[in-house]
Amino acid sequence: ETPAHIVLYCPELQQEREELQRALLPHPLRTTRDFTAATADPACAGTVVRWLLATGRLPEFRRACRYAAIQDQEEEEEERGL
């Protein structure tokens, strides 16, 4: 499995992919060209990467998942003024 396959075509993630599509509106994500454009745009890339890590489909990125969770927690604490 490649990131592009998981994001664009994996039949097991159809429902999750629809959520990703909504999060990326108005940017479509239907083709490899769309995937390339999304991952080149920092705002979209962050959304795609977080979604991809959350799927758990790429176990070689477990450390990145843990790091992302720590980053999310720190951002939430900053927003709450902690």
PDB file of N, CA and C in Angstrom:
ATOM      1  N   GLU A   1       0.841  -1.187   0.000  1.00  0.00           N
ATOM      2  CA  GLU A   1       0.000   0.000   0.000  1.00  0.00           C
ATOM      3  C   GLU A   1       0.878   1.238   0.000  1.00  0.00           C
ATOM      4  N   THR A   2       0.524   2.165  -0.832  1.00  0.00           N
ATOM      5  CA  THR A   2       1.214   3.454  -0.871  1.00  0.00           C
ATOM      6  C   THR A   2       0.283   4.517  -0.301  1.00  0.00           C
ATOM      7  N   PRO A   3       0.831   5.635   0.132  1.00  0.00           N
ATOM      8  CA  PRO A   3      -0.042   6.706   0.613  1.00  0.00           C
ATOM      9  C   PRO A   3      -1.083   7.124  -0.429  1.00  0.00           C
ATOM     10  N   ALA A   4      -0.673   7.233  -1.686  1.00  0.00           N
ATOM     11  CA  ALA A   4      -1.634   7.636  -2.723  1.00  0.00           C
ATOM     12  C   ALA A   4      -2.753   6.612  -2.859  1.00  0.00           C
ATOM     13  N   HIS A   5      -2.424   5.329  -2.826  1.00  0.00           N
ATOM     14  CA  HIS A   5      -3.458   4.291  -2.927  1.00  0.00           C
ATOM     15  C   HIS A   5      -4.435   4.396  -1.757  1.00  0.00           C
ATOM     16  N   ILE A   6      -3.908   4.547  -0.565  1.00  0.00           N
ATOM     17  CA  ILE A   6      -4.764   4.615   0.621  1.00  0.00           C
ATOM     18  C   ILE A   6      -5.685   5.829   0.542  1.00  0.00           C
ATOM     19  N   VAL A   7      -5.129   6.964   0.177  1.00  0.00           N
ATOM     20  CA  VAL A   7      -5.910   8.204   0.135  1.00  0.00           C
ATOM     21  C   VAL A   7      -6.930   8.204  -1.003  1.00  0.00           C
ATOM     22  N   LEU A   8      -6.565   7.637  -2.131  1.00  0.00           N
ATOM     23  CA  LEU A   8      -7.420   7.755  -3.313  1.00  0.00           C
ATOM     24  C   LEU A   8      -8.311   6.552  -3.605  1.00  0.00           C
ATOM     25  N   TYR A   9      -7.810   5.344  -3.343  1.00  0.00           N
ATOM     26  CA  TYR A   9      -8.481   4.177  -3.901  1.00  0.00           C
ATOM     27  C   TYR A   9      -8.836   3.053  -2.936  1.00  0.00           C
ATOM     28  N   CYS A  10      -8.236   2.989  -1.776  1.00  0.00           N
ATOM     29  CA  CYS A  10      -8.428   1.835  -0.894  1.00  0.00           C
ATOM     30  C   CYS A  10      -9.919   1.618  -0.607  1.00  0.00           C
ATOM     31  N   PRO A  11     -10.478   0.482  -1.046  1.00  0.00           N
ATOM     32  CA  PRO A  11     -11.913   0.251  -0.855  1.00  0.00           C
ATOM     33  C   PRO A  11     -12.307   0.084   0.614  1.00  0.00           C
ATOM     34  N   GLU A  12     -11.362  -0.290   1.440  1.00  0.00           N
ATOM     35  CA  GLU A  12     -11.661  -0.495   2.857  1.00  0.00           C
ATOM     36  C   GLU A  12     -11.827   0.817   3.615  1.00  0.00           C
ATOM     37  N   LEU A  13     -11.447   1.922   2.996  1.00  0.00           N
ATOM     38  CA  LEU A  13     -11.493   3.220   3.677  1.00  0.00           C
ATOM     39  C   LEU A  13     -12.448   4.202   3.001  1.00  0.00           C
ATOM     40  N   GLN A  14     -13.446   3.689   2.319  1.00  0.00           N
ATOM     41  CA  GLN A  14     -14.367   4.556   1.580  1.00  0.00           C
ATOM     42  C   GLN A  14     -15.021   5.604   2.486  1.00  0.00           C
ATOM     43  N   GLN A  15     -15.556   5.178   3.618  1.00  0.00           N
ATOM     44  CA  GLN A  15     -16.234   6.124   4.514  1.00  0.00           C
ATOM     45  C   GLN A  15     -15.252   7.156   5.065  1.00  0.00           C
ATOM     46  N   GLU A  16     -14.092   6.694   5.500  1.00  0.00           N
ATOM     47  CA  GLU A  16     -13.089   7.610   6.027  1.00  0.00           C
ATOM     48  C   GLU A  16     -12.623   8.593   4.952  1.00  0.00           C
ATOM     49  N   ARG A  17     -12.505   8.107   3.718  1.00  0.00           N
ATOM     50  CA  ARG A  17     -12.072   8.958   2.618  1.00  0.00           C
ATOM     51  C   ARG A  17     -13.085  10.078   2.364  1.00  0.00           C
ATOM     52  N   GLU A  18     -14.360   9.768   2.527  1.00  0.00           N
ATOM     53  CA  GLU A  18     -15.382  10.805   2.366  1.00  0.00           C
ATOM     54  C   GLU A  18     -15.193  11.912   3.400  1.00  0.00           C
ATOM     55  N   GLU A  19     -14.807  11.538   4.616  1.00  0.00           N
ATOM     56  CA  GLU A  19     -14.529  12.534   5.655  1.00  0.00           C
ATOM     57  C   GLU A  19     -13.332  13.397   5.252  1.00  0.00           C
ATOM     58  N   LEU A  20     -12.312  12.759   4.698  1.00  0.00           N
ATOM     59  CA  LEU A  20     -11.145  13.507   4.234  1.00  0.00           C
ATOM     60  C   LEU A  20     -11.543  14.470   3.122  1.00  0.00           C
ATOM     61  N   GLN A  21     -12.359  14.001   2.198  1.00  0.00           N
ATOM     62  CA  GLN A  21     -12.819  14.863   1.105  1.00  0.00           C
ATOM     63  C   GLN A  21     -13.516  16.109   1.655  1.00  0.00           C
ATOM     64  N   ARG A  22     -14.375  15.919   2.649  1.00  0.00           N
ATOM     65  CA  ARG A  22     -15.077  17.068   3.247  1.00  0.00           C
ATOM     66  C   ARG A  22     -14.088  18.025   3.910  1.00  0.00           C
ATOM     67  N   ALA A  23     -13.082  17.466   4.572  1.00  0.00           N
ATOM     68  CA  ALA A  23     -12.097  18.307   5.253  1.00  0.00           C
ATOM     69  C   ALA A  23     -11.263  19.119   4.263  1.00  0.00           C
ATOM     70  N   LEU A  24     -11.118  18.624   3.050  1.00  0.00           N
ATOM     71  CA  LEU A  24     -10.286  19.302   2.054  1.00  0.00           C
ATOM     72  C   LEU A  24     -11.065  20.224   1.121  1.00  0.00           C
ATOM     73  N   LEU A  25     -12.382  20.296   1.286  1.00  0.00           N
ATOM     74  CA  LEU A  25     -13.174  21.167   0.415  1.00  0.00           C
ATOM     75  C   LEU A  25     -12.613  22.577   0.430  1.00  0.00           C
ATOM     76  N   PRO A  26     -12.524  23.252  -0.668  1.00  0.00           N
ATOM     77  CA  PRO A  26     -13.076  22.942  -1.985  1.00  0.00           C
ATOM     78  C   PRO A  26     -12.096  22.212  -2.893  1.00  0.00           C
ATOM     79  N   HIS A  27     -11.013  21.677  -2.354  1.00  0.00           N
ATOM     80  CA  HIS A  27     -10.000  21.006  -3.167  1.00  0.00           C
ATOM     81  C   HIS A  27     -10.397  19.549  -3.415  1.00  0.00           C
ATOM     82  N   PRO A  28     -10.567  19.153  -4.671  1.00  0.00           N
ATOM     83  CA  PRO A  28     -10.927  17.760  -4.948  1.00  0.00           C
ATOM     84  C   PRO A  28      -9.735  16.838  -4.698  1.00  0.00           C
ATOM     85  N   LEU A  29     -10.020  15.595  -4.429  1.00  0.00           N
ATOM     86  CA  LEU A  29      -8.965  14.611  -4.207  1.00  0.00           C
ATOM     87  C   LEU A  29      -9.424  13.305  -4.857  1.00  0.00           C
ATOM     88  N   ARG A  30      -9.314  13.264  -6.179  1.00  0.00           N
ATOM     89  CA  ARG A  30      -9.812  12.110  -6.931  1.00  0.00           C
ATOM     90  C   ARG A  30      -8.744  11.406  -7.751  1.00  0.00           C
ATOM     91  N   THR A  31      -7.676  12.104  -8.092  1.00  0.00           N
ATOM     92  CA  THR A  31      -6.651  11.551  -8.979  1.00  0.00           C
ATOM     93  C   THR A  31      -5.274  11.698  -8.344  1.00  0.00           C
ATOM     94  N   THR A  32      -4.288  11.030  -8.943  1.00  0.00           N
ATOM     95  CA  THR A  32      -2.925  11.190  -8.431  1.00  0.00           C
ATOM     96  C   THR A  32      -2.451  12.629  -8.602  1.00  0.00           C
ATOM     97  N   ARG A  33      -2.934  13.306  -9.612  1.00  0.00           N
ATOM     98  CA  ARG A  33      -2.590  14.726  -9.785  1.00  0.00           C
ATOM     99  C   ARG A  33      -3.145  15.543  -8.616  1.00  0.00           C
ATOM    100  N   ASP A  34      -4.391  15.248  -8.209  1.00  0.00           N
ATOM    101  CA  ASP A  34      -4.985  15.921  -7.048  1.00  0.00           C
ATOM    102  C   ASP A  34      -4.176  15.617  -5.787  1.00  0.00           C
ATOM    103  N   PHE A  35      -3.760  14.355  -5.643  1.00  0.00           N
ATOM    104  CA  PHE A  35      -2.973  13.946  -4.476  1.00  0.00           C
ATOM    105  C   PHE A  35      -1.655  14.720  -4.440  1.00  0.00           C
ATOM    106  N   THR A  36      -0.998  14.819  -5.585  1.00  0.00           N
ATOM    107  CA  THR A  36       0.265  15.558  -5.665  1.00  0.00           C
ATOM    108  C   THR A  36       0.062  17.022  -5.299  1.00  0.00           C
ATOM    109  N   ALA A  37      -0.992  17.614  -5.815  1.00  0.00           N
ATOM    110  CA  ALA A  37      -1.276  19.019  -5.511  1.00  0.00           C
ATOM    111  C   ALA A  37      -1.585  19.205  -4.028  1.00  0.00           C
ATOM    112  N   ALA A  38      -2.363  18.297  -3.458  1.00  0.00           N
ATOM    113  CA  ALA A  38      -2.730  18.408  -2.039  1.00  0.00           C
ATOM    114  C   ALA A  38      -1.513  18.275  -1.143  1.00  0.00           C
ATOM    115  N   THR A  39      -0.617  17.369  -1.475  1.00  0.00           N
ATOM    116  CA  THR A  39       0.556  17.175  -0.626  1.00  0.00           C
ATOM    117  C   THR A  39       1.611  18.249  -0.847  1.00  0.00           C
ATOM    118  N   ALA A  40       1.469  19.037  -1.905  1.00  0.00           N
ATOM    119  CA  ALA A  40       2.385  20.161  -2.136  1.00  0.00           C
ATOM    120  C   ALA A  40       1.915  21.431  -1.432  1.00  0.00           C
ATOM    121  N   ASP A  41       0.661  21.476  -1.051  1.00  0.00           N
ATOM    122  CA  ASP A  41       0.076  22.630  -0.365  1.00  0.00           C
ATOM    123  C   ASP A  41       0.166  22.375   1.139  1.00  0.00           C
ATOM    124  N   PRO A  42       0.911  23.205   1.877  1.00  0.00           N
ATOM    125  CA  PRO A  42       1.105  22.930   3.305  1.00  0.00           C
ATOM    126  C   PRO A  42      -0.188  22.742   4.097  1.00  0.00           C
ATOM    127  N   ALA A  43      -1.188  23.532   3.833  1.00  0.00           N
ATOM    128  CA  ALA A  43      -2.440  23.406   4.592  1.00  0.00           C
ATOM    129  C   ALA A  43      -3.129  22.078   4.288  1.00  0.00           C
ATOM    130  N   CYS A  44      -3.225  21.742   3.027  1.00  0.00           N
ATOM    131  CA  CYS A  44      -3.861  20.473   2.646  1.00  0.00           C
ATOM    132  C   CYS A  44      -3.000  19.285   3.063  1.00  0.00           C
ATOM    133  N   ALA A  45      -1.695  19.421   2.906  1.00  0.00           N
ATOM    134  CA  ALA A  45      -0.799  18.312   3.234  1.00  0.00           C
ATOM    135  C   ALA A  45      -0.936  17.913   4.695  1.00  0.00           C
ATOM    136  N   GLY A  46      -1.038  18.889   5.579  1.00  0.00           N
ATOM    137  CA  GLY A  46      -1.211  18.570   6.993  1.00  0.00           C
ATOM    138  C   GLY A  46      -2.471  17.773   7.244  1.00  0.00           C
ATOM    139  N   THR A  47      -3.544  18.156   6.585  1.00  0.00           N
ATOM    140  CA  THR A  47      -4.811  17.434   6.725  1.00  0.00           C
ATOM    141  C   THR A  47      -4.680  16.016   6.200  1.00  0.00           C
ATOM    142  N   VAL A  48      -4.058  15.869   5.031  1.00  0.00           N
ATOM    143  CA  VAL A  48      -3.891  14.542   4.431  1.00  0.00           C
ATOM    144  C   VAL A  48      -3.012  13.660   5.309  1.00  0.00           C
ATOM    145  N   VAL A  49      -1.912  14.200   5.780  1.00  0.00           N
ATOM    146  CA  VAL A  49      -0.985  13.406   6.590  1.00  0.00           C
ATOM    147  C   VAL A  49      -1.629  12.975   7.901  1.00  0.00           C
ATOM    148  N   ARG A  50      -2.308  13.871   8.569  1.00  0.00           N
ATOM    149  CA  ARG A  50      -2.966  13.497   9.827  1.00  0.00           C
ATOM    150  C   ARG A  50      -4.017  12.418   9.580  1.00  0.00           C
ATOM    151  N   TRP A  51      -4.783  12.549   8.505  1.00  0.00           N
ATOM    152  CA  TRP A  51      -5.794  11.549   8.171  1.00  0.00           C
ATOM    153  C   TRP A  51      -5.121  10.215   7.877  1.00  0.00           C
ATOM    154  N   LEU A  52      -4.069  10.265   7.085  1.00  0.00           N
ATOM    155  CA  LEU A  52      -3.367   9.051   6.700  1.00  0.00           C
ATOM    156  C   LEU A  52      -2.786   8.345   7.919  1.00  0.00           C
ATOM    157  N   LEU A  53      -2.176   9.083   8.807  1.00  0.00           N
ATOM    158  CA  LEU A  53      -1.630   8.480  10.024  1.00  0.00           C
ATOM    159  C   LEU A  53      -2.739   7.904  10.891  1.00  0.00           C
ATOM    160  N   ALA A  54      -3.867   8.583  10.957  1.00  0.00           N
ATOM    161  CA  ALA A  54      -4.983   8.116  11.784  1.00  0.00           C
ATOM    162  C   ALA A  54      -5.570   6.802  11.282  1.00  0.00           C
ATOM    163  N   THR A  55      -5.395   6.499   9.999  1.00  0.00           N
ATOM    164  CA  THR A  55      -5.927   5.234   9.478  1.00  0.00           C
ATOM    165  C   THR A  55      -5.184   4.038  10.048  1.00  0.00           C
ATOM    166  N   GLY A  56      -3.934   4.241  10.452  1.00  0.00           N
ATOM    167  CA  GLY A  56      -3.135   3.132  10.958  1.00  0.00           C
ATOM    168  C   GLY A  56      -2.689   2.165   9.876  1.00  0.00           C
ATOM    169  N   ARG A  57      -2.878   2.516   8.621  1.00  0.00           N
ATOM    170  CA  ARG A  57      -2.565   1.613   7.515  1.00  0.00           C
ATOM    171  C   ARG A  57      -1.079   1.549   7.197  1.00  0.00           C
ATOM    172  N   LEU A  58      -0.306   2.463   7.727  1.00  0.00           N
ATOM    173  CA  LEU A  58       1.130   2.482   7.469  1.00  0.00           C
ATOM    174  C   LEU A  58       1.872   2.322   8.797  1.00  0.00           C
ATOM    175  N   PRO A  59       2.003   1.082   9.270  1.00  0.00           N
ATOM    176  CA  PRO A  59       2.587   0.871  10.597  1.00  0.00           C
ATOM    177  C   PRO A  59       4.020   1.377  10.725  1.00  0.00           C
ATOM    178  N   GLU A  60       4.715   1.533   9.615  1.00  0.00           N
ATOM    179  CA  GLU A  60       6.086   2.029   9.692  1.00  0.00           C
ATOM    180  C   GLU A  60       6.147   3.477  10.165  1.00  0.00           C
ATOM    181  N   PHE A  61       4.987   4.134  10.252  1.00  0.00           N
ATOM    182  CA  PHE A  61       4.947   5.522  10.699  1.00  0.00           C
ATOM    183  C   PHE A  61       4.367   5.671  12.104  1.00  0.00           C
ATOM    184  N   ARG A  62       4.456   4.634  12.904  1.00  0.00           N
ATOM    185  CA  ARG A  62       3.906   4.695  14.265  1.00  0.00           C
ATOM    186  C   ARG A  62       4.515   5.832  15.077  1.00  0.00           C
ATOM    187  N   ARG A  63       5.799   6.023  14.935  1.00  0.00           N
ATOM    188  CA  ARG A  63       6.460   7.104  15.678  1.00  0.00           C
ATOM    189  C   ARG A  63       5.892   8.449  15.251  1.00  0.00           C
ATOM    190  N   ALA A  64       5.649   8.616  13.975  1.00  0.00           N
ATOM    191  CA  ALA A  64       5.048   9.861  13.487  1.00  0.00           C
ATOM    192  C   ALA A  64       3.654  10.039  14.071  1.00  0.00           C
ATOM    193  N   CYS A  65       2.921   8.949  14.221  1.00  0.00           N
ATOM    194  CA  CYS A  65       1.579   9.022  14.820  1.00  0.00           C
ATOM    195  C   CYS A  65       1.669   9.510  16.258  1.00  0.00           C
ATOM    196  N   ARG A  66       2.613   8.963  17.003  1.00  0.00           N
ATOM    197  CA  ARG A  66       2.773   9.393  18.396  1.00  0.00           C
ATOM    198  C   ARG A  66       3.160  10.868  18.458  1.00  0.00           C
ATOM    199  N   TYR A  67       4.050  11.284  17.573  1.00  0.00           N
ATOM    200  CA  TYR A  67       4.467  12.682  17.533  1.00  0.00           C
ATOM    201  C   TYR A  67       3.284  13.588  17.194  1.00  0.00           C
ATOM    202  N   ALA A  68       2.475  13.180  16.230  1.00  0.00           N
ATOM    203  CA  ALA A  68       1.306  13.979  15.845  1.00  0.00           C
ATOM    204  C   ALA A  68       0.338  14.112  17.013  1.00  0.00           C
ATOM    205  N   ALA A  69       0.161  13.043  17.778  1.00  0.00           N
ATOM    206  CA  ALA A  69      -0.735  13.089  18.933  1.00  0.00           C
ATOM    207  C   ALA A  69      -0.204  14.071  19.977  1.00  0.00           C
ATOM    208  N   ILE A  70       1.095  14.069  20.184  1.00  0.00           N
ATOM    209  CA  ILE A  70       1.705  15.004  21.133  1.00  0.00           C
ATOM    210  C   ILE A  70       1.516  16.437  20.645  1.00  0.00           C
ATOM    211  N   GLN A  71       1.725  16.662  19.354  1.00  0.00           N
ATOM    212  CA  GLN A  71       1.539  17.997  18.782  1.00  0.00           C
ATOM    213  C   GLN A  71       0.099  18.465  18.955  1.00  0.00           C
ATOM    214  N   ASP A  72      -0.853  17.577  18.692  1.00  0.00           N
ATOM    215  CA  ASP A  72      -2.266  17.927  18.849  1.00  0.00           C
ATOM    216  C   ASP A  72      -2.569  18.311  20.290  1.00  0.00           C
ATOM    217  N   GLN A  73      -2.034  17.539  21.228  1.00  0.00           N
ATOM    218  CA  GLN A  73      -2.277  17.808  22.638  1.00  0.00           C
ATOM    219  C   GLN A  73      -1.686  19.164  23.028  1.00  0.00           C
ATOM    220  N   GLU A  74      -0.478  19.447  22.569  1.00  0.00           N
ATOM    221  CA  GLU A  74       0.153  20.725  22.885  1.00  0.00           C
ATOM    222  C   GLU A  74      -0.635  21.896  22.299  1.00  0.00           C
ATOM    223  N   GLU A  75      -1.138  21.731  21.081  1.00  0.00           N
ATOM    224  CA  GLU A  75      -1.932  22.790  20.460  1.00  0.00           C
ATOM    225  C   GLU A  75      -3.223  23.029  21.235  1.00  0.00           C
ATOM    226  N   GLU A  76      -3.859  21.955  21.676  1.00  0.00           N
ATOM    227  CA  GLU A  76      -5.087  22.089  22.459  1.00  0.00           C
ATOM    228  C   GLU A  76      -4.813  22.802  23.773  1.00  0.00           C
ATOM    229  N   GLU A  77      -3.702  22.466  24.419  1.00  0.00           N
ATOM    230  CA  GLU A  77      -3.353  23.108  25.680  1.00  0.00           C
ATOM    231  C   GLU A  77      -3.067  24.594  25.471  1.00  0.00           C
ATOM    232  N   GLU A  78      -2.401  24.935  24.377  1.00  0.00           N
ATOM    233  CA  GLU A  78      -2.132  26.343  24.078  1.00  0.00           C
ATOM    234  C   GLU A  78      -3.428  27.111  23.862  1.00  0.00           C
ATOM    235  N   GLU A  79      -4.368  26.487  23.152  1.00  0.00           N
ATOM    236  CA  GLU A  79      -5.651  27.136  22.893  1.00  0.00           C
ATOM    237  C   GLU A  79      -6.425  27.374  24.186  1.00  0.00           C
ATOM    238  N   ARG A  80      -6.267  26.467  25.143  1.00  0.00           N
ATOM    239  CA  ARG A  80      -6.969  26.616  26.421  1.00  0.00           C
ATOM    240  C   ARG A  80      -6.186  27.472  27.400  1.00  0.00           C
ATOM    241  N   GLY A  81      -4.984  27.895  27.000  1.00  0.00           N
ATOM    242  CA  GLY A  81      -4.187  28.761  27.854  1.00  0.00           C
ATOM    243  C   GLY A  81      -3.474  28.037  28.975  1.00  0.00           C
ATOM    244  N   LEU A  82      -3.180  26.765  28.777  1.00  0.00           N
ATOM    245  CA  LEU A  82      -2.476  25.999  29.816  1.00  0.00           C
ATOM    246  C   LEU A  82      -0.987  26.050  29.625  1.00  0.00           C
TER     247      LEU A  82
END
